[in-house]
Protein backbone atom coordinates (compact mmCIF):
# COMPACT_ATOMS: atom_id res chain seq x y z
CA MET A 1 140.38 136.05 147.12
CA GLU A 2 139.64 133.05 149.33
CA ARG A 3 138.17 129.99 147.70
CA GLN A 4 136.70 126.87 149.23
CA GLY A 5 136.67 123.40 147.77
CA ASN A 6 136.34 119.70 148.45
CA ILE A 7 139.33 117.44 148.94
CA LYS A 8 139.21 114.98 146.06
CA ILE A 9 139.09 111.81 148.11
CA ALA A 10 136.55 110.62 150.62
CA SER A 11 138.05 111.46 154.00
CA GLU A 12 136.30 108.53 155.62
CA ASN A 13 138.45 106.34 153.38
CA MET A 14 141.67 108.36 153.43
CA MET A 15 142.10 108.95 157.16
CA PRO A 16 141.85 105.30 158.29
CA ILE A 17 144.51 104.39 155.73
CA ILE A 18 146.80 107.15 156.98
CA LYS A 19 146.26 106.29 160.63
CA LYS A 20 146.25 102.48 160.49
CA TRP A 21 147.78 101.20 157.28
CA LEU A 22 149.99 104.00 156.03
CA TYR A 23 152.09 104.59 159.15
CA SER A 24 152.97 102.31 162.03
CA ASP A 25 153.89 105.10 164.48
CA LYS A 26 152.30 108.51 164.91
CA ASP A 27 155.61 110.29 165.45
CA ILE A 28 156.65 109.48 161.88
CA PHE A 29 154.60 112.50 160.76
CA LEU A 30 157.50 114.76 161.76
CA ARG A 31 159.91 112.83 159.57
CA GLU A 32 157.49 113.15 156.64
CA ILE A 33 156.96 116.88 157.04
CA ILE A 34 160.68 117.62 157.47
CA SER A 35 161.52 115.28 154.56
CA ASN A 36 159.16 117.24 152.34
CA GLY A 37 161.08 120.39 153.28
CA ILE A 38 164.42 118.70 152.56
CA ASP A 39 163.08 117.53 149.18
CA ALA A 40 161.97 121.09 148.35
CA ILE A 41 165.44 122.43 149.20
CA THR A 42 167.15 119.73 147.13
CA LYS A 43 165.02 120.65 144.12
CA MET A 44 165.70 124.35 144.61
CA LYS A 45 169.43 123.78 144.84
CA LYS A 46 169.29 121.78 141.61
CA LEU A 47 167.45 124.61 139.85
CA VAL A 48 170.13 127.05 140.98
CA GLU A 49 172.91 124.75 139.76
CA MET A 50 171.14 124.51 136.38
CA GLY A 51 170.86 128.30 136.16
CA GLU A 52 167.05 128.26 136.25
CA ALA A 53 166.81 130.11 139.58
CA THR A 54 168.93 132.36 141.79
CA VAL A 55 169.41 132.78 145.54
CA ALA A 56 171.39 135.23 147.66
CA PRO A 57 175.07 134.22 147.89
CA ASP A 58 174.98 133.94 151.69
CA GLU A 59 171.62 132.17 151.98
CA GLU A 60 171.74 128.99 154.07
CA TYR A 61 169.43 126.20 152.98
CA ALA A 62 167.73 124.95 156.14
CA VAL A 63 164.59 123.54 157.76
CA LYS A 64 163.44 125.36 160.89
CA VAL A 65 161.12 123.68 163.38
CA SER A 66 159.43 125.66 166.13
CA VAL A 67 157.19 124.71 169.03
CA ASP A 68 154.69 127.12 170.58
CA GLU A 69 153.09 125.40 173.55
CA ALA A 70 150.85 128.36 174.36
CA ALA A 71 149.46 128.56 170.82
CA LYS A 72 149.41 124.72 170.59
CA THR A 73 151.25 124.82 167.28
CA LEU A 74 154.17 122.95 165.77
CA THR A 75 155.67 124.66 162.72
CA VAL A 76 158.06 123.35 160.07
CA GLU A 77 159.47 125.88 157.60
CA ASP A 78 161.87 125.44 154.68
CA ASN A 79 163.44 127.74 152.10
CA GLY A 80 163.03 125.35 149.21
CA LEU A 81 161.39 126.03 145.88
CA GLY A 82 157.90 126.68 147.33
CA MET A 83 154.59 126.18 145.49
CA THR A 84 152.24 128.18 143.30
CA GLU A 85 148.49 128.02 143.89
CA GLU A 86 148.20 125.54 141.04
CA GLU A 87 150.89 123.34 142.57
CA VAL A 88 149.18 123.44 145.97
CA GLU A 89 146.00 122.23 144.30
CA THR A 90 147.93 119.47 142.52
CA TYR A 91 150.16 118.20 145.32
CA ILE A 92 148.01 118.87 148.39
CA THR A 93 144.36 119.04 147.40
CA GLN A 94 143.90 116.78 144.41
CA ILE A 95 145.44 113.60 145.79
CA ALA A 96 146.34 111.81 142.60
CA PHE A 97 144.20 108.71 142.83
CA SER A 98 140.48 108.22 142.59
CA GLY A 99 139.88 106.45 145.88
CA ALA A 100 141.41 104.65 148.80
CA ALA A 101 140.46 101.22 147.49
CA ASP A 102 142.27 101.89 144.20
CA PHE A 103 145.34 103.06 146.11
CA VAL A 104 145.51 99.90 148.21
CA ALA A 105 144.96 97.63 145.20
CA LYS A 106 147.67 99.37 143.16
CA TYR A 107 150.41 99.89 145.72
CA GLU A 108 150.01 97.13 148.29
CA LYS A 109 151.62 94.74 145.79
CA ALA A 110 154.09 97.23 144.33
CA GLY A 111 157.55 95.81 143.80
CA GLY A 112 159.26 98.73 142.14
CA ASP A 113 159.93 102.29 143.23
CA GLY A 114 158.33 103.53 146.41
CA ILE A 115 155.93 106.45 146.34
CA ILE A 116 157.70 108.70 148.80
CA GLY A 117 156.95 112.32 147.86
CA HIS A 118 153.95 111.39 145.72
CA PHE A 119 150.29 112.27 146.17
CA GLY A 120 150.74 114.46 149.24
CA LEU A 121 150.47 111.47 151.54
CA GLY A 122 153.53 112.53 153.54
CA PHE A 123 151.84 115.83 154.24
CA TYR A 124 148.55 114.22 155.26
CA SER A 125 150.34 112.16 157.92
CA ALA A 126 150.36 115.37 160.01
CA TYR A 127 146.61 114.90 160.55
CA MET A 128 147.40 111.98 162.81
CA VAL A 129 148.28 114.56 165.48
CA SER A 130 146.68 117.80 164.20
CA GLU A 131 143.14 119.10 164.31
CA ASN A 132 143.88 121.81 161.77
CA ILE A 133 146.79 122.62 159.41
CA GLU A 134 147.78 125.80 157.62
CA ILE A 135 150.24 126.00 154.72
CA TYR A 136 151.95 129.27 153.77
CA THR A 137 154.04 128.97 150.62
CA LYS A 138 155.73 131.17 148.03
CA SER A 139 157.21 129.74 144.85
CA TYR A 140 160.59 130.69 143.42
CA LYS A 141 158.55 131.58 140.34
CA ASP A 142 157.07 135.06 140.00
CA SER A 143 153.68 134.31 141.54
CA PRO A 144 151.73 135.34 144.66
CA ALA A 145 152.17 133.58 147.97
CA VAL A 146 149.42 131.13 148.90
CA LYS A 147 147.69 130.10 152.12
CA TRP A 148 145.93 126.71 152.32
CA GLU A 149 144.00 125.52 155.35
CA SER A 150 141.96 122.44 156.25
CA ASP A 151 140.85 120.51 159.31
CA GLY A 152 141.40 117.25 157.43
CA GLU A 153 137.77 116.62 156.78
CA SER A 154 136.26 117.05 153.32
CA THR A 155 136.76 120.85 152.85
CA TYR A 156 139.63 123.30 152.58
CA THR A 157 140.22 126.99 151.90
CA ILE A 158 142.90 128.51 149.66
CA SER A 159 143.78 132.16 149.15
CA GLU A 160 146.57 134.61 148.35
CA THR A 161 148.58 135.77 151.35
CA GLU A 162 151.46 137.99 152.31
CA ARG A 163 154.80 136.15 152.43
CA ALA A 164 158.08 137.67 151.31
CA GLU A 165 160.35 134.63 151.68
CA ARG A 166 160.55 131.80 149.18
CA GLY A 167 159.65 128.39 150.60
CA THR A 168 156.92 126.70 152.60
CA LYS A 169 155.74 126.98 156.21
CA ILE A 170 153.44 124.30 157.63
CA VAL A 171 151.64 125.20 160.86
CA MET A 172 150.14 122.20 162.65
CA HIS A 173 147.54 122.92 165.34
CA ILE A 174 148.15 119.96 167.62
CA ALA A 175 145.11 118.08 168.90
CA GLU A 176 144.47 118.04 172.64
CA ALA A 177 145.07 114.29 172.86
CA GLU A 178 148.47 114.66 171.16
CA LYS A 179 149.94 117.50 173.23
CA GLU A 180 153.13 115.51 173.85
CA PHE A 181 154.15 116.89 170.43
CA LEU A 182 154.18 120.38 171.94
CA SER A 183 157.11 119.44 174.16
CA GLU A 184 160.39 120.88 172.92
CA SER A 185 162.34 117.94 174.37
CA GLU A 186 160.05 115.45 172.61
CA ILE A 187 160.43 117.21 169.26
CA ARG A 188 164.21 117.43 169.76
CA SER A 189 164.29 113.67 170.43
CA LEU A 190 162.20 112.90 167.32
CA ILE A 191 164.40 115.07 165.09
CA ARG A 192 167.48 113.24 166.35
CA LYS A 193 165.76 109.91 165.84
CA TYR A 194 164.45 110.46 162.32
CA CYS A 195 166.52 113.27 160.87
CA SER A 196 170.05 112.87 162.27
CA PHE A 197 171.72 112.65 158.86
CA MET A 198 169.44 114.68 156.58
CA PRO A 199 171.52 116.67 154.09
CA TYR A 200 170.55 120.21 155.16
CA PRO A 201 170.62 121.82 158.62
CA ILE A 202 167.58 121.36 160.84
CA TYR A 203 167.09 123.87 163.64
CA LEU A 204 164.70 123.80 166.57
CA ASN A 205 163.35 127.13 167.82
CA TYR A 206 165.93 128.98 165.74
CA LYS A 207 167.33 132.10 167.45
CA GLY A 208 170.02 133.17 165.01
CA LYS A 209 173.22 132.22 163.23
CA ASP A 210 174.89 131.05 166.44
CA ASP A 211 172.42 128.16 166.74
CA LYS A 212 173.72 124.69 166.02
CA PRO A 213 171.67 122.33 163.87
CA LEU A 214 170.40 119.11 165.47
CA ASN A 215 171.58 116.98 162.58
CA THR A 216 174.85 116.09 160.87
CA THR A 217 174.55 116.94 157.19
CA GLU A 218 177.62 114.98 156.08
CA PRO A 219 177.69 111.77 158.15
CA LEU A 220 180.89 109.76 158.26
CA TYR A 221 179.43 106.80 156.39
CA LEU A 222 179.16 108.91 153.22
CA LYS A 223 182.92 109.53 153.14
CA ASN A 224 185.37 107.29 151.35
CA PRO A 225 186.82 104.79 153.86
CA LYS A 226 190.38 105.83 153.00
CA ASP A 227 189.55 109.39 154.08
CA CYS A 228 188.24 108.37 157.53
CA THR A 229 190.43 108.26 160.61
CA GLU A 230 190.16 105.82 163.51
CA GLU A 231 189.19 108.67 165.80
CA GLU A 232 186.38 109.71 163.45
CA TYR A 233 185.00 106.17 163.41
CA LYS A 234 185.03 106.04 167.21
CA ASN A 235 183.43 109.48 167.58
CA PHE A 236 180.70 108.62 165.08
CA TYR A 237 179.98 105.42 167.01
CA ARG A 238 179.81 107.21 170.35
CA ASP A 239 177.60 110.03 169.04
CA THR A 240 175.24 107.74 167.13
CA PHE A 241 174.76 104.96 169.68
CA MET A 242 175.53 106.74 172.96
CA ASP A 243 177.90 103.91 173.83
CA TYR A 244 181.04 105.10 175.57
CA ASN A 245 182.72 101.71 175.27
CA GLU A 246 184.93 101.81 172.20
CA PRO A 247 183.90 99.39 169.44
CA LEU A 248 186.21 96.47 168.70
CA PHE A 249 186.40 97.16 164.97
CA TRP A 250 184.09 98.08 162.12
CA VAL A 251 183.13 97.40 158.50
CA HIS A 252 182.72 100.42 156.21
CA LEU A 253 180.29 99.66 153.36
CA ASN A 254 180.86 101.77 150.27
CA MET A 255 179.30 100.57 147.02
CA ASP A 256 177.94 102.49 144.04
CA TYR A 257 177.35 99.62 141.58
CA PRO A 258 175.29 97.47 140.91
CA PHE A 259 173.42 99.17 143.75
CA ARG A 260 174.14 102.14 146.00
CA LEU A 261 174.99 101.20 149.56
CA LYS A 262 176.81 103.18 152.23
CA GLY A 263 177.17 102.44 155.90
CA ILE A 264 179.29 101.41 158.86
CA LEU A 265 178.73 98.28 160.97
CA TYR A 266 180.41 98.21 164.38
CA PHE A 267 181.34 95.19 166.48
CA PRO A 268 180.56 96.29 170.06
CA LYS A 269 182.18 95.04 173.25
CA VAL A 270 179.82 92.47 174.75
CA ARG A 271 182.11 90.05 176.59
CA ARG A 272 180.64 86.86 178.01
CA LYS A 273 176.93 87.52 178.02
CA VAL A 274 174.52 84.82 179.13
CA GLU A 275 172.42 85.68 176.09
CA LEU A 276 172.81 87.56 172.85
CA ASP A 277 171.93 91.25 173.21
CA ARG A 278 170.34 92.86 170.19
CA GLY A 279 172.26 95.78 168.78
CA GLN A 280 170.85 98.59 166.70
CA VAL A 281 171.26 98.72 162.94
CA LYS A 282 169.66 101.91 161.65
CA LEU A 283 168.39 101.86 158.07
CA TYR A 284 168.34 105.07 156.00
CA CYS A 285 167.26 105.91 152.48
CA ASN A 286 169.01 109.00 151.09
CA GLN A 287 169.86 110.06 154.67
CA VAL A 288 166.22 109.71 155.77
CA PHE A 289 165.74 107.33 158.71
CA ILE A 290 163.49 104.39 157.85
CA ALA A 291 163.59 102.05 160.83
CA ASP A 292 165.77 100.01 163.18
CA ASN A 293 166.71 96.40 162.53
CA ILE A 294 164.84 95.70 159.30
CA LYS A 295 165.09 91.92 159.02
CA GLU A 296 164.50 91.91 155.26
CA VAL A 297 167.79 93.80 154.81
CA ILE A 298 169.80 92.88 157.91
CA PRO A 299 169.94 89.18 158.83
CA GLU A 300 168.94 88.47 162.41
CA TYR A 301 172.44 87.58 163.53
CA LEU A 302 173.89 90.85 162.16
CA MET A 303 171.44 92.77 164.34
CA LEU A 304 173.76 91.92 167.23
CA LEU A 305 176.00 94.64 165.78
CA ASN A 306 175.50 98.39 165.92
CA GLY A 307 175.48 100.24 162.65
CA VAL A 308 174.09 102.62 160.08
CA ILE A 309 173.15 101.55 156.56
CA ASP A 310 171.97 103.95 153.85
CA CYS A 311 170.64 102.43 150.64
CA PRO A 312 168.76 104.64 148.17
CA ASP A 313 167.97 101.60 146.01
CA ILE A 314 165.88 99.83 148.65
CA PRO A 315 162.25 99.68 147.42
CA LEU A 316 159.98 101.13 150.08
CA ASN A 317 156.24 101.15 150.38
CA VAL A 318 154.40 104.35 151.11
CA SER A 319 155.10 104.37 154.86
CA ARG A 320 158.88 104.04 154.45
CA SER A 321 158.67 101.46 157.25
CA PHE A 322 158.59 98.17 155.42
CA LEU A 323 160.46 96.74 152.48
CA GLN A 324 159.34 94.95 149.38
CA ASN A 325 160.95 91.53 149.52
CA ASP A 326 162.50 91.57 146.05
CA SER A 327 165.68 90.33 144.44
CA GLN A 328 167.46 93.67 144.88
CA VAL A 329 167.05 93.49 148.64
CA LYS A 330 168.44 89.95 148.65
CA LYS A 331 171.50 91.12 146.72
CA ILE A 332 172.04 93.93 149.20
CA THR A 333 171.74 91.53 152.14
CA LYS A 334 174.17 89.10 150.53
CA HIS A 335 176.70 91.88 149.98
CA ILE A 336 176.47 93.04 153.60
CA VAL A 337 177.02 89.48 154.87
CA LYS A 338 180.00 89.05 152.53
CA LYS A 339 181.62 92.28 153.71
CA VAL A 340 181.26 91.27 157.37
CA ALA A 341 182.74 87.81 156.66
CA ASP A 342 185.57 89.40 154.64
CA LYS A 343 186.38 91.75 157.53
CA LEU A 344 186.57 88.88 160.01
CA THR A 345 188.73 86.82 157.66
CA SER A 346 191.03 89.76 156.96
CA LEU A 347 191.51 90.43 160.66
CA TYR A 348 192.23 86.74 161.31
CA ASN A 349 194.85 86.63 158.54
CA THR A 350 196.54 89.98 159.10
CA ASP A 351 196.32 90.55 162.87
CA ARG A 352 195.81 87.25 164.65
CA ASN A 353 196.62 88.78 168.04
CA GLN A 354 193.86 91.37 167.76
CA TYR A 355 191.47 88.73 166.42
CA GLU A 356 192.12 86.52 169.44
CA ALA A 357 191.83 89.50 171.79
CA CYS A 358 188.39 90.27 170.32
CA TRP A 359 187.20 86.68 170.12
CA GLU A 360 185.40 86.53 173.46
CA ASP A 361 183.33 89.52 172.35
CA ILE A 362 182.52 88.27 168.86
CA ALA A 363 182.47 84.47 169.33
CA ASN A 364 178.75 84.19 170.10
CA PHE A 365 177.88 86.46 167.18
CA VAL A 366 179.98 84.39 164.74
CA LYS A 367 178.62 81.07 166.00
CA PHE A 368 175.05 82.34 165.92
CA GLY A 369 175.59 83.56 162.36
CA CYS A 370 176.93 80.15 161.32
CA ILE A 371 173.86 78.40 162.73
CA LYS A 372 171.47 80.83 161.01
CA ASP A 373 173.17 81.24 157.63
CA GLU A 374 174.93 78.48 155.71
CA GLU A 375 176.66 80.92 153.36
CA PHE A 376 178.08 82.82 156.31
CA TYR A 377 179.25 79.54 157.86
CA ASN A 378 181.04 78.54 154.67
CA LYS A 379 182.86 81.89 154.61
CA VAL A 380 184.03 81.86 158.25
CA LYS A 381 184.24 78.19 159.26
CA ASP A 382 188.04 78.17 158.95
CA ILE A 383 188.49 81.12 161.31
CA ILE A 384 186.38 79.80 164.21
CA ILE A 385 188.77 79.35 167.11
CA TYR A 386 188.63 77.63 170.50
CA LYS A 387 190.97 77.55 173.47
CA ASN A 388 192.57 74.23 174.34
CA LEU A 389 193.13 73.04 177.91
CA ASP A 390 196.26 75.21 178.13
CA GLY A 391 194.29 78.34 177.17
CA VAL A 392 195.84 78.62 173.69
CA TYR A 393 193.54 79.42 170.74
CA HIS A 394 193.43 77.05 167.78
CA PRO A 395 191.09 76.82 164.77
CA ILE A 396 188.43 74.26 165.59
CA SER A 397 189.37 72.34 162.43
CA GLU A 398 192.76 71.51 164.01
CA PHE A 399 190.98 69.48 166.68
CA PHE A 400 189.25 67.44 163.98
CA GLY A 401 192.63 66.03 162.97
CA ASP A 402 192.12 62.92 160.90
CA LYS A 403 188.35 63.18 160.80
CA VAL A 404 186.45 60.46 159.00
CA SER A 405 186.14 60.97 155.24
CA ASP A 406 182.87 60.92 153.31
CA GLU A 407 183.64 57.42 152.03
CA GLU A 408 184.51 56.11 155.52
CA ALA A 409 181.38 57.68 156.98
CA GLU A 410 179.26 55.99 154.34
CA LYS A 411 180.86 52.65 155.28
CA GLY A 412 179.92 53.19 158.93
CA LYS A 413 183.33 54.00 160.41
CA GLU A 414 183.15 55.53 163.90
CA PRO A 415 183.34 59.38 163.72
CA LYS A 416 186.38 61.23 165.02
CA THR A 417 185.83 62.20 168.70
CA VAL A 418 186.58 65.77 169.75
CA TYR A 419 186.60 66.17 173.52
CA TYR A 420 185.52 69.40 175.20
CA ALA A 421 185.25 70.94 178.66
CA SER A 422 182.30 73.17 179.52
CA ASP A 423 183.62 74.33 182.91
CA VAL A 424 187.36 73.91 183.48
CA VAL A 425 186.99 74.69 187.21
CA GLN A 426 184.15 72.27 187.90
CA GLN A 427 185.77 69.65 185.67
CA ALA A 428 189.30 70.25 186.99
CA GLN A 429 189.88 66.59 187.86
CA TYR A 430 189.00 65.47 184.36
CA VAL A 431 191.14 68.25 182.86
CA LYS A 432 194.13 67.12 184.93
CA MET A 433 193.62 63.48 183.92
CA PHE A 434 193.46 64.50 180.26
CA LYS A 435 196.60 66.63 180.48
CA ASP A 436 198.46 63.96 182.46
CA ALA A 437 197.57 61.49 179.74
CA GLY A 438 198.91 63.85 177.04
CA LEU A 439 195.41 64.49 175.71
CA ASP A 440 193.75 67.76 174.80
CA ALA A 441 190.23 69.17 174.50
CA ILE A 442 188.53 72.40 173.52
CA VAL A 443 186.88 74.75 176.00
CA CYS A 444 183.17 75.23 175.19
CA ASP A 445 181.99 77.47 178.01
CA THR A 446 179.50 79.90 176.46
CA PHE A 447 175.76 79.45 176.35
CA ILE A 448 175.73 79.01 172.57
CA ASP A 449 178.40 76.29 172.46
CA PRO A 450 176.03 73.33 173.09
CA HIS A 451 173.97 74.47 170.09
CA PHE A 452 177.06 75.15 168.00
CA ILE A 453 178.70 71.74 168.52
CA SER A 454 175.39 70.09 167.63
CA PHE A 455 175.37 72.22 164.50
CA ILE A 456 178.92 71.12 163.61
CA GLU A 457 177.93 67.48 164.11
CA TYR A 458 175.05 68.09 161.72
CA LYS A 459 177.35 69.72 159.15
CA GLU A 460 179.98 66.99 159.58
CA VAL A 461 177.52 64.16 160.05
CA GLY A 462 179.26 60.80 160.43
CA LYS A 463 182.71 62.43 160.44
CA VAL A 464 183.01 64.20 163.81
CA LYS A 465 181.30 63.88 167.17
CA PHE A 466 181.79 65.93 170.33
CA MET A 467 182.06 64.42 173.79
CA ARG A 468 182.50 66.20 177.07
CA ILE A 469 185.58 65.09 178.98
CA ASP A 470 183.44 63.68 181.78
CA ALA A 471 181.16 61.71 179.42
CA ASP A 472 183.27 58.61 178.77
CA ILE A 473 186.84 57.48 179.35
CA ASP A 474 186.83 55.02 176.46
CA GLY A 475 189.85 55.60 174.24
CA ALA A 476 190.96 58.59 176.29
CA LEU A 477 191.85 57.78 179.89
CA LYS A 478 191.80 53.98 180.03
CA ASN A 479 195.00 52.03 180.51
CA GLY A 480 194.25 49.07 178.28
CA GLU A 481 191.11 46.94 178.13
CA THR A 482 189.38 45.43 181.14
CA SER A 483 187.43 42.19 180.81
CA GLU A 484 183.85 42.08 182.00
CA GLU A 485 184.69 39.45 184.62
CA GLU A 486 187.79 41.21 185.96
CA GLY A 487 186.05 43.68 188.21
CA LYS A 488 182.65 42.05 188.45
CA ALA A 489 182.85 41.04 192.13
CA LEU A 490 184.18 44.45 193.11
CA THR A 491 181.53 46.43 191.18
CA GLU A 492 178.73 44.32 192.66
CA LEU A 493 180.10 44.94 196.15
CA ILE A 494 180.35 48.71 195.52
CA LYS A 495 176.89 48.85 193.95
CA LYS A 496 175.39 47.19 197.01
CA ALA A 497 177.06 49.69 199.37
CA LEU A 498 175.94 52.82 197.49
CA ILE A 499 173.17 54.93 199.04
CA ASP A 500 172.01 55.97 195.52
CA GLN A 501 170.86 52.74 193.92
CA ASN A 502 170.10 54.47 190.59
CA VAL A 503 173.82 54.71 189.86
CA SER A 504 175.51 52.09 187.68
CA VAL A 505 179.01 50.90 188.56
CA LYS A 506 181.76 49.99 186.12
CA ALA A 507 185.42 49.01 186.60
CA GLU A 508 188.28 50.17 184.37
CA ARG A 509 192.03 50.68 184.57
CA PHE A 510 192.94 54.38 184.47
CA LYS A 511 196.20 55.81 183.21
CA ASN A 512 196.20 57.95 186.36
CA VAL A 513 196.46 55.57 189.33
CA ASP A 514 195.78 58.32 191.93
CA VAL A 515 192.14 58.83 190.90
CA PRO A 516 189.88 56.29 192.64
CA ALA A 517 186.72 56.91 190.57
CA ILE A 518 184.99 59.31 188.23
CA ILE A 519 181.39 59.98 187.23
CA ASN A 520 180.30 59.38 183.65
CA VAL A 521 176.99 60.56 182.18
CA SER A 522 176.50 59.69 178.54
CA GLU A 523 176.78 62.63 176.13
CA PHE A 524 173.33 61.93 174.67
CA THR A 525 171.60 61.75 178.06
CA ARG A 526 173.27 64.89 179.36
CA ARG A 527 172.43 66.89 176.23
CA MET A 528 168.81 65.76 176.41
CA ASN A 529 168.60 66.76 180.08
CA GLU A 530 170.16 70.14 179.34
CA MET A 531 167.71 70.72 176.50
CA ASN A 532 164.76 69.75 178.69
CA SER A 533 166.01 72.09 181.41
CA PHE A 534 166.41 74.91 178.86
CA TYR A 535 162.73 74.56 177.90
CA GLY A 536 161.62 74.36 181.53
CA MET A 537 160.98 70.63 181.51
CA ASN A 538 162.12 68.03 184.05
CA GLU A 539 165.44 66.43 183.19
CA GLY A 540 163.79 63.02 183.27
CA LEU A 541 166.60 60.86 181.93
CA GLN A 542 168.96 59.09 184.35
CA ASP A 543 172.19 57.51 183.11
CA VAL A 544 174.89 58.02 185.75
CA THR A 545 177.83 55.60 185.97
CA LEU A 546 180.44 55.47 188.73
CA VAL A 547 183.62 54.27 186.99
CA VAL A 548 186.08 52.87 189.57
CA ASN A 549 189.81 52.56 188.91
CA LEU A 550 191.20 49.06 189.32
CA GLU A 551 194.71 50.58 189.39
CA ASN A 552 193.90 52.60 192.53
CA GLU A 553 195.02 51.22 195.91
CA LEU A 554 191.97 52.51 197.81
CA ILE A 555 189.57 50.85 195.37
CA ARG A 556 191.44 47.55 195.60
CA SER A 557 191.26 47.67 199.43
CA ILE A 558 187.47 47.96 199.59
CA PRO A 559 186.79 44.19 199.76
CA THR A 560 189.01 43.95 202.87
CA LEU A 561 186.93 46.41 204.91
CA ASP A 562 184.14 45.59 207.37
CA GLU A 563 180.61 46.44 206.27
CA GLU A 564 180.40 49.77 208.14
CA LYS A 565 183.71 51.11 206.79
CA LYS A 566 182.94 49.70 203.36
CA ALA A 567 179.71 51.73 203.12
CA LEU A 568 181.45 54.82 204.46
CA ILE A 569 184.38 54.64 202.00
CA VAL A 570 182.29 53.65 198.96
CA ASN A 571 179.83 56.53 199.38
CA GLN A 572 182.58 59.02 200.14
CA ILE A 573 184.38 57.97 196.94
CA TYR A 574 181.10 58.45 195.09
CA TYR A 575 180.52 61.95 196.55
CA LEU A 576 184.09 62.98 195.75
CA ALA A 577 183.58 61.80 192.17
CA GLU A 578 180.30 63.72 192.03
CA LEU A 579 181.97 66.90 193.27
CA SER A 580 184.25 66.78 190.25
CA TYR A 581 181.18 66.52 188.05
CA LYS A 582 178.56 68.83 189.60
CA LYS A 583 177.34 70.42 192.80
CA LEU A 584 175.96 68.05 195.40
CA SER A 585 172.30 68.24 196.30
CA PRO A 586 171.50 69.47 199.86
CA GLU A 587 170.81 65.89 200.94
CA GLU A 588 174.07 64.65 199.42
CA MET A 589 176.05 67.51 200.98
CA ASP A 590 174.58 66.67 204.39
CA GLN A 591 175.58 63.01 204.07
CA PHE A 592 179.01 63.98 202.69
CA SER A 593 179.65 66.14 205.78
CA LYS A 594 178.57 63.35 208.13
CA ASN A 595 180.90 60.93 206.34
CA ASN A 596 183.79 63.38 206.69
CA LEU A 597 183.23 63.64 210.43
CA GLU A 598 183.08 59.88 210.77
CA LEU A 599 186.32 59.49 208.82
CA LEU A 600 188.01 62.05 211.08
CA LYS A 601 186.85 60.13 214.16
CA ASN A 602 188.26 56.90 212.72
CA PHE A 603 191.53 58.67 211.93
CA VAL A 604 192.15 59.78 215.55
CA LYS A 605 191.21 56.45 217.13
């Protein structure tokens, strides 16, 4: 006999919560409905194992999803434990709280267990896309099958029905505005997104035993790492992330105490990107997809990796989409960071060649992690490597050498200078001068390096400073000291002949006598200009010095030239020095070309 009744919560309160507060994306309804079926199967299997129920020996536990575009229905059916009429009333009709306001007050601040599977809320998410829903269910207990139906407003009907099979079938009559959920390809995509690793087979439009499920019921991350092969890791990566570039290496997370945590994090090939690409770290709870890149669990810098993490102990709110920011989550995050740092350190210590081969792919990730997380920096700071001018990797700490101690820094001793090149091609003249002088520098040629060396200076404040090889020749390329008076007349003469009167002129003695002059821009000024440029501001600051070499024959001959030749030679020396520092402006390039032609004319006279 059919009965009618009122749903025991005001629908004008319930539906806005479901549609706006409870779930962030409409398509999550499919995850909730399928998850309910998976839960019902899990409970049934447990009853069988306990001897409290029986099933046919060859019965396959499964969830079957079917789309009928003509009938405008989407159906999800399971062969779990099913429900009696009383259970339908309890779990579907009588939502177990007195009102929406009480629900929000009680659970919005909840810090303990989530309420997944409670109060029928997962089921009610289907009303986000349905104008009417029917439930057909038969319990494993000896009781009649039940049909329940409601349009999601304040009334429902419930009655006995004919159903031979144990389990539950939910028929969703999809609303006209949501007909995208009647597309088989869309449903297939959503099942793969949300249900890829659910523990029982999920079929779409099941035709028979030859069908293949859309999910993997025993994902690789659940296996013990010692039982996984390299090929399995690579296949899992390719199938999960649709990336046909092989990963560099991976970290297999496998913890059961003090919290349960399984997963695999992959280091992808990225090479020398101009910016950090975000990866995809998928978060699961008991093989149920929660979300991508949850920052409360995965630090921002680890989201550059690709991976899967499954943690049943993560406290979830009702939508399964956000995490309670509690101490357990912090412990989980700390463990993940430690395992990544341990993997990097292990690779550095046991296979230095592979570590160096991977470094260009992982360097930006490691440096970014150091800047964002002090604990991570402390774990990996000794394995951060840089190439020297000969292209050989060394730990950055080796370049510090006899860096200033804490006591010396407190007494004001000058910090240890570490020289670096940001573009070994553009700065080739400076590189050659350094190498000829028996000096070395590190190569800092990625976009994150300017930020990273500033970070190191902050961490080693007063002990180490970084200076680009074209910033200053003091203590590096000079051949002894030069008095202020020694080159005064020459520098004044050169200054007067320069077209660009904003340039300062200084005289020094270089170790390399063949170089007539170089450009210096102070490290501070250049960094400020680069930062302004990064934020779209004008460079503004001007601090360019032409340093002429008193040991160079051409420089010493300048006073002997007539005024016309003097101007020609001085400006050509300046442009040549600029070319070793940066690209010439269009105006400078035009004048440089004219000077070259004039010099050629003088040569053939």
